[in-house]
Amino acid sequence: MQKIPEISTPRLTLRPLRIDDAPAIQSRFPQFEIVRYLNAVVPWPYPEDGALTYIRDVALPAIEAGREWHWTLRPKAGPDEAIGVISLRRDSEDDHRGFWLAPEWQGQGLMSEAAEAVGEFWFETLGEPLLRVSKAVANERSRRVSERGGMRLVAVTERSFVSGRLPSEIWEITREEWRAQRHKAMREEGRERG
């Protein structure tokens, strides 16, 4: 089994998901604004024990089996506060990464920061050759995370979401493309500092 590391970004700590995260997730997650574009397997209305059941019966067994990796997002200014979750999974052909972020924390680039960090784990630690993500066409914030991450749109289809059957997009980036983009960003950052 691949041990899940704690990951640090400029503004966040990504802490591996634990059973004791259930109360914090349960208090933030059951909002339609968060779940409407998530896969229809998410129960809605969200049950009172939804977070505990998911972490205990789905996420932790998948982590133990080496199929999935889940982190809570915690601001460095308040590391005891879980404000969202980001996950990676091998089992899905077209949906390797998923995430959610509490609405009051959206619009600050935090999810792009987290996505870049778990992208590095996916490509460099796990050695995966391709990262694919699926999202509702209407989910503009998620699309912007993919665009900022250098992903490209490769297919349009339809999927079932909590809010119903909707047009869906599949985005992808290869390890080589990801590395080239990182190299370019580091060169540009070096020029700005120099």
C-alpha atoms as a PDB file:
ATOM      1  CA  MET A   1       0.000   0.000   0.000  1.00  0.00           C
ATOM      2  CA  GLN A   2       1.220   3.508  -0.913  1.00  0.00           C
ATOM      3  CA  LYS A   3       1.393   5.636   2.238  1.00  0.00           C
ATOM      4  CA  ILE A   4      -0.502   8.887   1.855  1.00  0.00           C
ATOM      5  CA  PRO A   5       1.735  11.835   2.727  1.00  0.00           C
ATOM      6  CA  GLU A   6       0.666  15.110   4.223  1.00  0.00           C
ATOM      7  CA  ILE A   7       1.170  17.700   1.481  1.00  0.00           C
ATOM      8  CA  SER A   8       1.985  21.356   2.003  1.00  0.00           C
ATOM      9  CA  THR A   9       1.170  24.133  -0.472  1.00  0.00           C
ATOM     10  CA  PRO A  10       1.710  27.874   0.010  1.00  0.00           C
ATOM     11  CA  ARG A  11      -1.681  28.336   1.713  1.00  0.00           C
ATOM     12  CA  LEU A  12      -2.920  24.827   2.529  1.00  0.00           C
ATOM     13  CA  THR A  13      -2.083  21.642   4.332  1.00  0.00           C
ATOM     14  CA  LEU A  14      -3.518  18.559   2.666  1.00  0.00           C
ATOM     15  CA  ARG A  15      -3.907  16.048   5.484  1.00  0.00           C
ATOM     16  CA  PRO A  16      -4.712  12.409   4.747  1.00  0.00           C
ATOM     17  CA  LEU A  17      -8.368  11.655   5.439  1.00  0.00           C
ATOM     18  CA  ARG A  18      -9.077  10.063   8.836  1.00  0.00           C
ATOM     19  CA  ILE A  19     -12.162   8.699  10.533  1.00  0.00           C
ATOM     20  CA  ASP A  20     -12.125  11.598  12.993  1.00  0.00           C
ATOM     21  CA  ASP A  21     -12.645  14.008  10.052  1.00  0.00           C
ATOM     22  CA  ALA A  22     -16.268  12.837   9.768  1.00  0.00           C
ATOM     23  CA  PRO A  23     -17.855  15.495  12.055  1.00  0.00           C
ATOM     24  CA  ALA A  24     -16.104  18.391  10.271  1.00  0.00           C
ATOM     25  CA  ILE A  25     -17.060  17.032   6.848  1.00  0.00           C
ATOM     26  CA  GLN A  26     -20.629  16.337   7.962  1.00  0.00           C
ATOM     27  CA  SER A  27     -20.988  19.934   9.131  1.00  0.00           C
ATOM     28  CA  ARG A  28     -19.821  21.456   5.798  1.00  0.00           C
ATOM     29  CA  PHE A  29     -20.574  18.991   3.012  1.00  0.00           C
ATOM     30  CA  PRO A  30     -24.384  18.662   2.918  1.00  0.00           C
ATOM     31  CA  GLN A  31     -25.053  21.814   0.901  1.00  0.00           C
ATOM     32  CA  PHE A  32     -26.664  21.587  -2.514  1.00  0.00           C
ATOM     33  CA  GLU A  33     -24.187  24.173  -3.829  1.00  0.00           C
ATOM     34  CA  ILE A  34     -21.391  21.670  -3.022  1.00  0.00           C
ATOM     35  CA  VAL A  35     -23.026  18.408  -4.113  1.00  0.00           C
ATOM     36  CA  ARG A  36     -25.093  19.357  -7.171  1.00  0.00           C
ATOM     37  CA  TYR A  37     -22.287  18.552  -9.654  1.00  0.00           C
ATOM     38  CA  LEU A  38     -20.971  15.495  -7.818  1.00  0.00           C
ATOM     39  CA  ASN A  39     -21.574  11.954  -9.046  1.00  0.00           C
ATOM     40  CA  ALA A  40     -25.121  10.719  -8.433  1.00  0.00           C
ATOM     41  CA  VAL A  41     -23.774   8.030  -6.074  1.00  0.00           C
ATOM     42  CA  VAL A  42     -23.691  10.778  -3.400  1.00  0.00           C
ATOM     43  CA  PRO A  43     -26.966  10.396  -1.488  1.00  0.00           C
ATOM     44  CA  TRP A  44     -29.238  13.428  -1.431  1.00  0.00           C
ATOM     45  CA  PRO A  45     -30.627  14.553   0.915  1.00  0.00           C
ATOM     46  CA  TYR A  46     -27.389  13.736   2.682  1.00  0.00           C
ATOM     47  CA  PRO A  47     -27.934  11.438   5.676  1.00  0.00           C
ATOM     48  CA  GLU A  48     -26.898  12.479   9.180  1.00  0.00           C
ATOM     49  CA  ASP A  49     -24.223   9.759   9.223  1.00  0.00           C
ATOM     50  CA  GLY A  50     -23.221  10.272   5.560  1.00  0.00           C
ATOM     51  CA  ALA A  51     -19.654  11.437   6.169  1.00  0.00           C
ATOM     52  CA  LEU A  52     -18.901   8.744   8.749  1.00  0.00           C
ATOM     53  CA  THR A  53     -20.384   6.014   6.564  1.00  0.00           C
ATOM     54  CA  TYR A  54     -18.495   7.198   3.478  1.00  0.00           C
ATOM     55  CA  ILE A  55     -15.143   7.529   5.254  1.00  0.00           C
ATOM     56  CA  ARG A  56     -15.470   4.233   7.165  1.00  0.00           C
ATOM     57  CA  ASP A  57     -17.057   2.042   4.474  1.00  0.00           C
ATOM     58  CA  VAL A  58     -15.796   3.501   1.189  1.00  0.00           C
ATOM     59  CA  ALA A  59     -12.799   5.847   1.433  1.00  0.00           C
ATOM     60  CA  LEU A  60     -10.646   4.140   4.084  1.00  0.00           C
ATOM     61  CA  PRO A  61     -11.035   0.627   2.565  1.00  0.00           C
ATOM     62  CA  ALA A  62     -10.103   2.040  -0.886  1.00  0.00           C
ATOM     63  CA  ILE A  63      -7.075   3.771   0.647  1.00  0.00           C
ATOM     64  CA  GLU A  64      -6.055   0.545   2.386  1.00  0.00           C
ATOM     65  CA  ALA A  65      -6.365  -1.331  -0.925  1.00  0.00           C
ATOM     66  CA  GLY A  66      -4.130   1.238  -2.682  1.00  0.00           C
ATOM     67  CA  ARG A  67      -6.879   2.300  -5.123  1.00  0.00           C
ATOM     68  CA  GLU A  68      -7.666   5.761  -3.771  1.00  0.00           C
ATOM     69  CA  TRP A  69      -6.035   8.671  -1.944  1.00  0.00           C
ATOM     70  CA  HIS A  70      -8.055  11.287  -0.013  1.00  0.00           C
ATOM     71  CA  TRP A  71      -6.964  14.475   1.745  1.00  0.00           C
ATOM     72  CA  THR A  72      -8.775  17.134   3.751  1.00  0.00           C
ATOM     73  CA  LEU A  73      -7.898  20.712   2.819  1.00  0.00           C
ATOM     74  CA  ARG A  74      -6.871  22.822   5.781  1.00  0.00           C
ATOM     75  CA  PRO A  75      -5.847  26.487   5.636  1.00  0.00           C
ATOM     76  CA  LYS A  76      -2.418  27.083   7.121  1.00  0.00           C
ATOM     77  CA  ALA A  77      -3.919  30.019   9.033  1.00  0.00           C
ATOM     78  CA  GLY A  78      -6.375  27.597  10.738  1.00  0.00           C
ATOM     79  CA  PRO A  79      -5.055  24.043  10.397  1.00  0.00           C
ATOM     80  CA  ASP A  80      -7.740  22.548  12.645  1.00  0.00           C
ATOM     81  CA  GLU A  81     -10.436  23.519  10.136  1.00  0.00           C
ATOM     82  CA  ALA A  82     -11.291  21.110   7.286  1.00  0.00           C
ATOM     83  CA  ILE A  83     -12.659  23.239   4.430  1.00  0.00           C
ATOM     84  CA  GLY A  84     -12.855  20.612   1.688  1.00  0.00           C
ATOM     85  CA  VAL A  85     -11.579  17.320   0.331  1.00  0.00           C
ATOM     86  CA  ILE A  86      -9.545  16.318  -2.722  1.00  0.00           C
ATOM     87  CA  SER A  87      -9.215  12.718  -3.886  1.00  0.00           C
ATOM     88  CA  LEU A  88      -7.426  10.596  -6.456  1.00  0.00           C
ATOM     89  CA  ARG A  89      -8.613   7.194  -7.676  1.00  0.00           C
ATOM     90  CA  ARG A  90      -7.203   4.603 -10.039  1.00  0.00           C
ATOM     91  CA  ASP A  91     -10.378   2.561 -10.579  1.00  0.00           C
ATOM     92  CA  SER A  92     -12.136   5.034 -12.855  1.00  0.00           C
ATOM     93  CA  GLU A  93     -11.104   5.316 -16.492  1.00  0.00           C
ATOM     94  CA  ASP A  94     -12.360   8.895 -16.930  1.00  0.00           C
ATOM     95  CA  ASP A  95     -12.474  10.330 -13.410  1.00  0.00           C
ATOM     96  CA  HIS A  96      -9.179  10.131 -11.514  1.00  0.00           C
ATOM     97  CA  ARG A  97      -9.592  13.256  -9.379  1.00  0.00           C
ATOM     98  CA  GLY A  98     -12.497  14.698  -7.455  1.00  0.00           C
ATOM     99  CA  PHE A  99     -12.860  17.527  -4.993  1.00  0.00           C
ATOM    100  CA  TRP A 100     -15.173  19.826  -3.117  1.00  0.00           C
ATOM    101  CA  LEU A 101     -14.592  23.066  -1.239  1.00  0.00           C
ATOM    102  CA  ALA A 102     -16.855  24.937   1.188  1.00  0.00           C
ATOM    103  CA  PRO A 103     -18.522  27.835  -0.684  1.00  0.00           C
ATOM    104  CA  GLU A 104     -17.074  30.536   1.555  1.00  0.00           C
ATOM    105  CA  TRP A 105     -13.553  29.391   0.559  1.00  0.00           C
ATOM    106  CA  GLN A 106     -14.189  29.272  -3.186  1.00  0.00           C
ATOM    107  CA  GLY A 107     -12.899  31.827  -5.675  1.00  0.00           C
ATOM    108  CA  GLN A 108      -9.448  32.207  -4.079  1.00  0.00           C
ATOM    109  CA  GLY A 109      -7.469  29.713  -6.186  1.00  0.00           C
ATOM    110  CA  LEU A 110      -7.182  27.257  -3.292  1.00  0.00           C
ATOM    111  CA  MET A 111      -8.488  24.280  -5.262  1.00  0.00           C
ATOM    112  CA  SER A 112      -6.054  24.972  -8.124  1.00  0.00           C
ATOM    113  CA  GLU A 113      -3.271  24.967  -5.528  1.00  0.00           C
ATOM    114  CA  ALA A 114      -4.484  21.645  -4.089  1.00  0.00           C
ATOM    115  CA  ALA A 115      -4.991  20.139  -7.559  1.00  0.00           C
ATOM    116  CA  GLU A 116      -1.431  21.003  -8.560  1.00  0.00           C
ATOM    117  CA  ALA A 117      -0.097  19.339  -5.402  1.00  0.00           C
ATOM    118  CA  VAL A 118      -2.045  16.103  -5.856  1.00  0.00           C
ATOM    119  CA  GLY A 119      -1.151  16.143  -9.559  1.00  0.00           C
ATOM    120  CA  GLU A 120       2.485  15.960  -8.536  1.00  0.00           C
ATOM    121  CA  PHE A 121       1.680  12.995  -6.268  1.00  0.00           C
ATOM    122  CA  TRP A 122      -0.267  11.286  -9.100  1.00  0.00           C
ATOM    123  CA  PHE A 123       2.460  11.673 -11.704  1.00  0.00           C
ATOM    124  CA  GLU A 124       5.701  11.658  -9.735  1.00  0.00           C
ATOM    125  CA  THR A 125       4.986   9.444  -6.721  1.00  0.00           C
ATOM    126  CA  LEU A 126       2.461   7.026  -8.210  1.00  0.00           C
ATOM    127  CA  GLY A 127       4.009   7.173 -11.705  1.00  0.00           C
ATOM    128  CA  GLU A 128       0.664   7.401 -13.471  1.00  0.00           C
ATOM    129  CA  PRO A 129       0.891   8.316 -17.186  1.00  0.00           C
ATOM    130  CA  LEU A 130      -2.435  10.166 -17.548  1.00  0.00           C
ATOM    131  CA  LEU A 131      -4.806  12.181 -15.371  1.00  0.00           C
ATOM    132  CA  ARG A 132      -8.430  12.369 -16.513  1.00  0.00           C
ATOM    133  CA  VAL A 133     -11.273  14.202 -14.832  1.00  0.00           C
ATOM    134  CA  SER A 134     -14.969  14.344 -15.573  1.00  0.00           C
ATOM    135  CA  LYS A 135     -17.198  17.290 -14.757  1.00  0.00           C
ATOM    136  CA  ALA A 136     -20.600  18.750 -15.525  1.00  0.00           C
ATOM    137  CA  VAL A 137     -20.408  21.271 -18.363  1.00  0.00           C
ATOM    138  CA  ALA A 138     -22.235  23.748 -16.090  1.00  0.00           C
ATOM    139  CA  ASN A 139     -19.550  23.437 -13.383  1.00  0.00           C
ATOM    140  CA  GLU A 140     -17.524  26.464 -14.465  1.00  0.00           C
ATOM    141  CA  ARG A 141     -15.357  26.618 -11.319  1.00  0.00           C
ATOM    142  CA  SER A 142     -14.220  23.035 -11.816  1.00  0.00           C
ATOM    143  CA  ARG A 143     -13.530  23.739 -15.483  1.00  0.00           C
ATOM    144  CA  ARG A 144     -11.290  26.670 -14.497  1.00  0.00           C
ATOM    145  CA  VAL A 145      -9.273  24.383 -12.191  1.00  0.00           C
ATOM    146  CA  SER A 146      -8.682  22.041 -15.145  1.00  0.00           C
ATOM    147  CA  GLU A 147      -7.787  24.916 -17.495  1.00  0.00           C
ATOM    148  CA  ARG A 148      -5.326  26.423 -14.995  1.00  0.00           C
ATOM    149  CA  GLY A 149      -3.805  22.991 -14.571  1.00  0.00           C
ATOM    150  CA  GLY A 150      -3.039  22.733 -18.294  1.00  0.00           C
ATOM    151  CA  MET A 151      -5.627  20.047 -19.004  1.00  0.00           C
ATOM    152  CA  ARG A 152      -7.426  19.837 -22.328  1.00  0.00           C
ATOM    153  CA  LEU A 153     -11.011  18.904 -23.153  1.00  0.00           C
ATOM    154  CA  VAL A 154     -11.097  15.517 -24.896  1.00  0.00           C
ATOM    155  CA  ALA A 155     -14.759  14.435 -24.867  1.00  0.00           C
ATOM    156  CA  VAL A 156     -18.298  15.575 -24.178  1.00  0.00           C
ATOM    157  CA  THR A 157     -20.806  13.047 -22.926  1.00  0.00           C
ATOM    158  CA  GLU A 158     -23.647  12.809 -20.410  1.00  0.00           C
ATOM    159  CA  ARG A 159     -23.501  11.656 -16.796  1.00  0.00           C
ATOM    160  CA  SER A 160     -25.734  11.408 -13.770  1.00  0.00           C
ATOM    161  CA  PHE A 161     -25.058  13.980 -11.069  1.00  0.00           C
ATOM    162  CA  VAL A 162     -26.811  14.710  -7.786  1.00  0.00           C
ATOM    163  CA  SER A 163     -28.741  17.424  -9.669  1.00  0.00           C
ATOM    164  CA  GLY A 164     -29.747  15.059 -12.503  1.00  0.00           C
ATOM    165  CA  ARG A 165     -28.543  13.825 -15.891  1.00  0.00           C
ATOM    166  CA  LEU A 166     -26.380  16.576 -17.427  1.00  0.00           C
ATOM    167  CA  PRO A 167     -23.903  17.169 -20.259  1.00  0.00           C
ATOM    168  CA  SER A 168     -20.438  16.252 -19.012  1.00  0.00           C
ATOM    169  CA  GLU A 169     -16.881  16.956 -20.129  1.00  0.00           C
ATOM    170  CA  ILE A 170     -13.781  14.804 -19.853  1.00  0.00           C
ATOM    171  CA  TRP A 171     -10.478  16.644 -19.441  1.00  0.00           C
ATOM    172  CA  GLU A 172      -6.988  15.146 -19.441  1.00  0.00           C
ATOM    173  CA  ILE A 173      -3.278  15.824 -19.176  1.00  0.00           C
ATOM    174  CA  THR A 174      -0.378  13.413 -19.698  1.00  0.00           C
ATOM    175  CA  ARG A 175       2.591  13.142 -17.364  1.00  0.00           C
ATOM    176  CA  GLU A 176       4.845  14.610 -20.091  1.00  0.00           C
ATOM    177  CA  GLU A 177       2.519  17.580 -20.619  1.00  0.00           C
ATOM    178  CA  TRP A 178       2.270  18.111 -16.868  1.00  0.00           C
ATOM    179  CA  ARG A 179       6.066  18.038 -16.485  1.00  0.00           C
ATOM    180  CA  ALA A 180       6.556  20.456 -19.392  1.00  0.00           C
ATOM    181  CA  GLN A 181       4.044  22.863 -17.890  1.00  0.00           C
ATOM    182  CA  ARG A 182       5.702  22.667 -14.446  1.00  0.00           C
ATOM    183  CA  HIS A 183       9.140  23.229 -15.992  1.00  0.00           C
ATOM    184  CA  LYS A 184       7.879  26.286 -17.890  1.00  0.00           C
ATOM    185  CA  ALA A 185       6.202  27.719 -14.754  1.00  0.00           C
ATOM    186  CA  MET A 186       9.395  27.246 -12.713  1.00  0.00           C
ATOM    187  CA  ARG A 187      11.479  28.980 -15.413  1.00  0.00           C
ATOM    188  CA  GLU A 188       9.056  31.910 -15.488  1.00  0.00           C
ATOM    189  CA  GLU A 189       9.045  32.118 -11.705  1.00  0.00           C
ATOM    190  CA  GLY A 190      12.859  32.141 -11.714  1.00  0.00           C
ATOM    191  CA  ARG A 191      12.862  35.011 -14.227  1.00  0.00           C
ATOM    192  CA  GLU A 192      10.470  37.017 -12.058  1.00  0.00           C
ATOM    193  CA  ARG A 193      12.706  36.564  -9.018  1.00  0.00           C
ATOM    194  CA  GLY A 194      15.928  37.264 -10.933  1.00  0.00           C
END
